[in-house]
N, C-alpha and C. Protein backbone atom coordinates (compact mmCIF):
# COMPACT_ATOMS: atom_id res chain seq x y z
N UNK A 1 -9.62 -12.73 -14.51
CA UNK A 1 -9.56 -11.54 -13.85
C UNK A 1 -8.67 -10.51 -15.05
N UNK A 2 -9.69 -10.12 -16.40
CA UNK A 2 -8.89 -9.46 -17.58
C UNK A 2 -8.65 -8.04 -16.86
N UNK A 3 -7.22 -7.24 -17.03
CA UNK A 3 -7.13 -6.36 -16.64
C UNK A 3 -5.64 -6.21 -16.96
N UNK A 4 -5.05 -4.78 -17.11
CA UNK A 4 -3.83 -4.14 -17.55
C UNK A 4 -2.85 -4.72 -16.12
N UNK A 5 -3.28 -3.83 -15.18
CA UNK A 5 -2.39 -3.82 -13.99
C UNK A 5 -3.10 -4.81 -13.09
N UNK A 6 -2.85 -5.73 -12.18
CA UNK A 6 -3.78 -6.69 -11.46
C UNK A 6 -2.53 -5.57 -9.99
N UNK A 7 -3.59 -5.42 -9.05
CA UNK A 7 -2.94 -4.85 -7.53
C UNK A 7 -3.69 -5.06 -6.74
N UNK A 8 -2.98 -6.44 -6.07
CA UNK A 8 -4.01 -7.16 -4.52
C UNK A 8 -3.11 -6.55 -3.32
N UNK A 9 -4.19 -6.33 -2.18
CA UNK A 9 -3.01 -5.63 -0.60
C UNK A 9 -3.63 -6.70 -0.08
N UNK A 10 -2.70 -7.59 1.03
CA UNK A 10 -2.37 -8.55 1.54
C UNK A 10 -1.60 -8.32 2.88
N UNK A 11 -1.69 -9.23 3.65
CA UNK A 11 -0.67 -8.88 4.95
C UNK A 11 0.34 -10.30 5.52
N UNK A 12 1.18 -9.86 6.01
CA UNK A 12 1.63 -11.62 7.01
C UNK A 12 1.22 -12.34 8.01
N UNK A 13 -0.50 -11.54 7.73
CA UNK A 13 -0.71 -12.49 9.28
C UNK A 13 -1.92 -13.21 8.35
N UNK A 14 -2.18 -13.27 6.77
CA UNK A 14 -3.02 -14.10 6.38
C UNK A 14 -2.78 -15.78 6.13
N UNK A 15 -3.88 -16.07 5.94
CA UNK A 15 -3.96 -17.74 5.58
C UNK A 15 -2.68 -18.30 4.19
N UNK A 16 -2.08 -17.35 3.33
CA UNK A 16 -1.80 -17.58 1.73
C UNK A 16 -0.23 -17.01 2.02
N UNK A 17 0.51 -17.95 2.03
CA UNK A 17 2.00 -16.85 1.96
C UNK A 17 2.01 -16.10 0.91
N UNK A 18 2.88 -15.04 0.78
CA UNK A 18 3.25 -13.48 0.02
C UNK A 18 3.54 -14.47 -1.02
N UNK A 19 4.25 -15.69 -1.05
CA UNK A 19 5.08 -16.72 -2.38
C UNK A 19 4.01 -16.89 -2.89
N UNK A 20 2.81 -17.40 -2.06
CA UNK A 20 1.58 -18.27 -2.36
C UNK A 20 1.12 -17.34 -3.66
N UNK A 21 1.00 -15.86 -3.23
CA UNK A 21 0.36 -14.99 -3.58
C UNK A 21 0.95 -14.25 -5.06
N UNK A 22 2.38 -14.07 -4.88
CA UNK A 22 2.65 -14.07 -5.92
C UNK A 22 2.82 -15.08 -7.20
N UNK A 23 2.64 -16.68 -6.76
CA UNK A 23 2.58 -17.91 -7.65
C UNK A 23 1.31 -17.75 -8.15
N UNK A 24 0.21 -17.27 -7.64
CA UNK A 24 -0.79 -16.94 -8.91
C UNK A 24 -1.23 -15.65 -9.28
N UNK A 25 -0.11 -14.60 -9.25
CA UNK A 25 -0.10 -14.02 -10.30
C UNK A 25 1.31 -14.11 -11.35
N UNK A 26 1.70 -15.21 -11.39
CA UNK A 26 3.03 -15.18 -12.86
C UNK A 26 2.42 -15.86 -13.29
N UNK A 27 1.51 -15.94 -14.03
CA UNK A 27 0.86 -15.82 -15.40
C UNK A 27 1.25 -14.69 -15.80
N UNK A 28 1.32 -13.61 -15.45
CA UNK A 28 1.60 -11.88 -15.62
C UNK A 28 3.04 -11.62 -16.43
N UNK A 29 3.35 -10.82 -16.73
CA UNK A 29 5.17 -11.14 -17.38
C UNK A 29 5.87 -10.48 -16.42
N UNK A 30 5.44 -9.27 -15.60
CA UNK A 30 6.13 -9.35 -14.20
C UNK A 30 5.48 -9.03 -12.82
N UNK A 31 5.74 -9.67 -11.79
CA UNK A 31 5.20 -9.39 -10.33
C UNK A 31 5.83 -8.96 -9.54
N UNK A 32 5.69 -7.47 -8.84
CA UNK A 32 6.44 -6.76 -8.04
C UNK A 32 5.57 -6.99 -6.63
N UNK A 33 6.65 -6.65 -5.47
CA UNK A 33 5.30 -6.88 -4.49
C UNK A 33 6.57 -5.36 -3.59
N UNK A 34 5.40 -4.86 -3.02
CA UNK A 34 5.91 -3.82 -1.61
C UNK A 34 5.62 -4.31 -0.54
N UNK A 35 6.21 -4.13 0.12
CA UNK A 35 6.10 -4.01 1.43
C UNK A 35 5.72 -3.01 2.49
N UNK A 36 4.99 -2.87 3.37
CA UNK A 36 5.02 -1.44 4.66
C UNK A 36 4.60 -1.80 5.85
N UNK A 37 5.64 -1.17 6.50
CA UNK A 37 5.05 -2.04 7.95
C UNK A 37 3.83 -0.81 8.85
N UNK A 38 2.74 -1.60 9.30
CA UNK A 38 1.72 -0.92 9.27
C UNK A 38 1.36 -1.20 10.81
N UNK A 39 0.50 -0.15 11.74
CA UNK A 39 0.22 -0.31 12.39
C UNK A 39 -0.77 -1.62 12.74
N UNK A 40 -1.47 -2.43 13.76
CA UNK A 40 -2.30 -3.16 13.94
C UNK A 40 -3.51 -2.53 14.34
N UNK A 41 -4.38 -3.69 13.76
CA UNK A 41 -5.63 -2.47 14.28
C UNK A 41 -5.99 -2.53 15.74
N UNK A 42 -6.93 -1.92 16.35
CA UNK A 42 -6.61 -1.23 17.59
C UNK A 42 -6.76 -2.57 18.91
N UNK A 43 -7.74 -3.66 18.53
CA UNK A 43 -8.38 -4.68 19.00
C UNK A 43 -6.73 -5.55 19.46
N UNK A 44 -5.90 -5.51 18.71
CA UNK A 44 -4.30 -6.20 18.96
C UNK A 44 -4.19 -5.48 20.07
N UNK A 45 -4.28 -4.74 20.82
CA UNK A 45 -4.09 -4.06 22.03
C UNK A 45 -5.05 -3.93 22.93
N UNK A 46 -6.64 -3.59 22.84
CA UNK A 46 -7.32 -3.85 24.03
C UNK A 46 -8.08 -5.22 24.19
N UNK A 47 -7.80 -5.76 22.88
CA UNK A 47 -8.75 -7.62 22.99
C UNK A 47 -8.04 -8.23 24.14
N UNK A 48 -6.68 -8.23 24.74
CA UNK A 48 -6.37 -8.87 25.76
C UNK A 48 -7.02 -8.75 27.03
N UNK A 49 -8.38 -8.01 27.64
CA UNK A 49 -8.81 -7.72 28.31
C UNK A 49 -10.64 -8.53 28.06
N UNK A 50 -11.06 -8.97 29.55
CA UNK A 50 -12.56 -9.96 29.30
C UNK A 50 -13.26 -8.62 29.20
N UNK A 51 -14.72 -8.90 29.10
CA UNK A 51 -15.52 -7.75 28.93
C UNK A 51 -15.58 -7.31 30.82
N UNK A 52 -15.06 -8.06 32.34
CA UNK A 52 -15.50 -7.53 32.75
C UNK A 52 -14.14 -6.23 33.24
N UNK A 53 -13.11 -5.88 32.19
CA UNK A 53 -11.77 -5.29 32.48
C UNK A 53 -10.30 -6.53 32.74
N UNK A 54 -11.20 -7.01 33.19
CA UNK A 54 -9.14 -8.19 33.55
C UNK A 54 -8.57 -8.75 32.58
N UNK A 55 -7.37 -8.24 32.54
CA UNK A 55 -6.43 -8.40 31.88
C UNK A 55 -6.35 -10.14 31.65
N UNK A 56 -6.88 -10.54 30.72
CA UNK A 56 -6.83 -12.29 30.23
C UNK A 56 -5.79 -12.73 29.44
N UNK A 57 -4.77 -11.84 28.50
CA UNK A 57 -4.15 -12.15 27.66
C UNK A 57 -2.55 -10.88 27.29
N UNK A 58 -1.92 -11.45 26.48
CA UNK A 58 -0.69 -10.54 26.17
C UNK A 58 -0.75 -9.95 24.92
N UNK A 59 0.13 -9.08 25.07
CA UNK A 59 0.08 -8.40 23.18
C UNK A 59 1.10 -9.03 22.92
N UNK A 60 0.91 -9.95 21.47
CA UNK A 60 2.01 -10.46 20.97
C UNK A 60 2.93 -9.38 19.85
N UNK A 61 2.14 -8.73 19.41
CA UNK A 61 3.13 -7.80 18.63
C UNK A 61 1.47 -6.69 17.72
N UNK A 62 2.51 -5.80 17.37
CA UNK A 62 1.67 -4.04 17.43
C UNK A 62 1.80 -3.76 15.97
N UNK A 63 2.76 -4.25 14.99
CA UNK A 63 2.81 -4.01 13.65
C UNK A 63 2.76 -5.36 13.05
N UNK A 64 2.11 -5.13 11.67
CA UNK A 64 2.53 -6.12 10.81
C UNK A 64 2.96 -5.63 9.35
N UNK A 65 3.15 -6.19 7.84
CA UNK A 65 3.64 -6.03 7.42
C UNK A 65 2.00 -6.12 6.17
N UNK A 66 2.41 -5.33 5.80
CA UNK A 66 1.26 -4.93 4.12
C UNK A 66 1.98 -4.60 3.23
N UNK A 67 1.65 -5.85 1.63
CA UNK A 67 1.87 -6.08 0.88
C UNK A 67 1.00 -5.54 -0.30
N UNK A 68 1.73 -4.71 -1.08
CA UNK A 68 0.67 -4.65 -2.16
C UNK A 68 1.45 -5.39 -3.33
N UNK A 69 0.95 -6.43 -4.02
CA UNK A 69 1.29 -7.17 -5.01
C UNK A 69 1.24 -6.54 -6.82
N UNK A 70 2.19 -5.73 -6.92
CA UNK A 70 1.22 -5.52 -8.35
C UNK A 70 2.09 -6.57 -9.87
N UNK A 71 0.89 -6.87 -10.85
CA UNK A 71 1.21 -7.82 -11.93
C UNK A 71 0.41 -7.01 -13.00
N UNK A 72 1.68 -7.38 -13.97
CA UNK A 72 0.85 -6.86 -15.61
C UNK A 72 2.22 -6.94 -16.18
N UNK A 73 2.47 -5.92 -17.36
CA UNK A 73 3.40 -6.25 -18.22
C UNK A 73 4.56 -5.30 -17.62
N UNK A 74 6.02 -5.70 -18.00
CA UNK A 74 7.03 -4.88 -17.23
C UNK A 74 6.66 -3.14 -17.23
N UNK A 75 5.94 -3.09 -18.94
CA UNK A 75 5.81 -1.50 -18.35
C UNK A 75 5.17 -0.55 -17.52
N UNK A 76 3.89 -1.63 -17.70
CA UNK A 76 3.03 -1.15 -16.55
C UNK A 76 3.08 -1.44 -14.86
N UNK A 77 3.90 -2.38 -14.81
CA UNK A 77 4.05 -2.62 -13.20
C UNK A 77 5.10 -1.41 -13.12
N UNK A 78 6.56 -1.30 -13.80
CA UNK A 78 7.08 0.10 -13.82
C UNK A 78 6.33 0.66 -13.52
N UNK A 79 5.69 1.67 -14.20
CA UNK A 79 4.52 2.49 -14.22
C UNK A 79 4.06 2.79 -13.05
N UNK A 80 3.20 1.76 -12.20
CA UNK A 80 2.32 1.89 -11.24
C UNK A 80 3.37 2.10 -9.85
N UNK A 81 4.79 1.32 -9.79
CA UNK A 81 5.62 1.26 -8.90
C UNK A 81 6.35 2.20 -9.00
N UNK A 82 6.72 2.84 -10.02
CA UNK A 82 7.89 3.99 -10.09
C UNK A 82 7.71 5.02 -9.04
N UNK A 83 6.87 5.51 -8.20
CA UNK A 83 7.41 6.22 -6.99
C UNK A 83 8.41 5.77 -5.76
N UNK A 84 8.22 4.67 -6.25
CA UNK A 84 8.98 3.71 -4.90
C UNK A 84 10.48 3.29 -5.91
N UNK A 85 10.45 3.16 -6.82
CA UNK A 85 12.21 3.17 -7.43
C UNK A 85 12.95 4.02 -7.53
N UNK A 86 14.50 3.31 -6.51
CA UNK A 86 15.52 3.87 -6.36
C UNK A 86 15.57 3.59 -5.08
N UNK A 87 14.70 3.65 -4.30
CA UNK A 87 14.57 3.68 -3.21
C UNK A 87 15.46 3.05 -2.20
N UNK A 88 15.98 3.33 -1.07
CA UNK A 88 16.63 1.97 -0.70
C UNK A 88 16.19 1.78 0.89
N UNK A 89 15.23 1.07 1.15
CA UNK A 89 14.68 -0.02 2.21
C UNK A 89 15.40 -1.12 2.35
N UNK A 90 14.90 -1.70 3.49
CA UNK A 90 15.38 -3.27 4.09
C UNK A 90 14.45 -3.94 3.19
N UNK A 91 15.02 -4.83 3.06
CA UNK A 91 13.72 -6.02 2.25
C UNK A 91 13.51 -7.53 3.18
N UNK A 92 12.29 -7.60 2.56
CA UNK A 92 11.42 -8.57 3.30
C UNK A 92 11.25 -9.35 2.71
N UNK A 93 12.53 -10.99 2.60
CA UNK A 93 12.65 -11.85 1.72
C UNK A 93 12.56 -11.13 0.37
N UNK A 94 11.81 -11.40 -0.89
CA UNK A 94 12.06 -10.63 -2.35
C UNK A 94 11.18 -9.30 -2.24
N UNK A 95 10.44 -8.69 -1.11
CA UNK A 95 9.73 -7.85 -1.02
C UNK A 95 10.55 -6.95 -0.53
N UNK A 96 10.68 -5.46 -1.09
CA UNK A 96 10.67 -4.08 -0.74
C UNK A 96 9.94 -3.82 0.23
N UNK A 97 10.44 -3.55 1.92
CA UNK A 97 9.64 -2.78 2.68
C UNK A 97 9.56 -1.40 2.36
N UNK A 98 8.70 -0.33 2.61
CA UNK A 98 8.84 1.33 2.84
C UNK A 98 7.72 1.44 3.48
N UNK A 99 8.42 3.11 3.54
CA UNK A 99 7.25 3.44 5.09
C UNK A 99 5.79 4.44 4.47
N UNK A 100 4.78 4.54 5.46
CA UNK A 100 3.49 5.02 4.78
C UNK A 100 3.92 6.24 4.77
């Protein structure tokens, strides 16, 4: 993919790990990952009932982490992620966690 800035949206429920995704982008000068706590889809809440309305499962969790991986030159990545620079939020591994 030929582009100045590559932005990928992913989440922590995917088959590929965040680290693997970042490694796929590592040929760029800089890879920065932002993480956002996000409410899961409604099926995570109502999918525990069968067609007759009987509860057949249990809700495991109602939120997940949405990742935005930004890759490119240091200048372009810094410009793209500038709105989040300097904010103090908890980290998730090497990803900075933000509120949406």
